[in-house]
């Protein structure tokens, strides 16, 4: 998905790749590190800062 996004948005503002799946964000980071990523969570995590930093996320969103 990340590789396809890079090709589809070539020459334009890149899309934000967001997911609830940490493994998917890790794969996107490895495949296309230049695309911005966002971590979505359906519950609060105390380690959100470390997790978003490790994943290189520019967005974090959690349900209260």
Protein backbone atom coordinates (compact mmCIF):
# COMPACT_ATOMS: atom_id res chain seq x y z
CA UNK A 1 0.00 0.00 0.00
CA UNK A 2 2.76 2.47 0.91
CA UNK A 3 4.62 1.81 -2.33
CA UNK A 4 1.43 2.37 -4.35
CA UNK A 5 0.70 5.58 -2.44
CA UNK A 6 4.16 6.90 -3.25
CA UNK A 7 3.58 6.26 -6.95
CA UNK A 8 0.03 7.63 -7.05
CA UNK A 9 0.95 10.88 -5.26
CA UNK A 10 4.26 11.41 -7.04
CA UNK A 11 4.88 15.15 -7.44
CA UNK A 12 2.01 16.08 -5.12
CA UNK A 13 1.58 16.59 -1.39
CA UNK A 14 2.01 13.09 0.06
CA UNK A 15 -0.91 11.34 1.73
CA UNK A 16 -1.00 10.61 5.45
CA UNK A 17 -0.85 6.85 5.96
CA UNK A 18 -2.85 6.15 9.11
CA UNK A 19 -3.72 2.86 10.72
CA UNK A 20 -4.82 1.15 13.91
CA UNK A 21 -2.30 -1.59 13.07
CA UNK A 22 1.21 -0.97 14.43
CA UNK A 23 2.63 -3.72 12.19
CA UNK A 24 1.19 -1.98 9.12
CA UNK A 25 2.77 1.33 10.14
CA UNK A 26 6.11 -0.41 10.72
CA UNK A 27 5.90 -1.95 7.24
CA UNK A 28 5.04 1.43 5.71
CA UNK A 29 7.95 3.05 7.54
CA UNK A 30 10.33 0.43 6.21
CA UNK A 31 8.98 0.50 2.64
CA UNK A 32 8.53 4.25 2.17
CA UNK A 33 9.96 6.20 5.11
CA UNK A 34 9.34 9.59 3.47
CA UNK A 35 5.53 9.24 3.62
CA UNK A 36 3.96 10.65 6.80
CA UNK A 37 2.29 8.18 9.14
CA UNK A 38 -0.44 8.47 11.76
CA UNK A 39 -1.20 6.09 14.62
CA UNK A 40 -4.87 5.51 15.42
CA UNK A 41 -5.84 3.75 18.64
CA UNK A 42 -9.25 2.80 19.97
CA UNK A 43 -8.02 2.99 23.57
CA UNK A 44 -5.46 5.04 25.49
CA UNK A 45 -1.89 3.77 25.71
CA UNK A 46 0.57 5.13 28.22
CA UNK A 47 3.44 4.49 25.80
CA UNK A 48 1.94 6.56 22.97
CA UNK A 49 4.89 8.99 22.84
CA UNK A 50 7.49 6.25 22.56
CA UNK A 51 5.37 4.35 20.04
CA UNK A 52 4.73 7.35 17.78
CA UNK A 53 8.42 8.34 17.97
CA UNK A 54 9.55 4.82 17.05
CA UNK A 55 7.11 4.73 14.14
CA UNK A 56 7.99 8.26 13.03
CA UNK A 57 4.34 9.30 13.24
CA UNK A 58 3.22 12.88 12.70
CA UNK A 59 -0.26 12.16 14.10
CA UNK A 60 -1.65 10.29 17.07
CA UNK A 61 -5.37 9.86 17.68
CA UNK A 62 -7.03 7.89 20.46
CA UNK A 63 -10.60 7.47 21.60
CA UNK A 64 -11.11 8.64 25.19
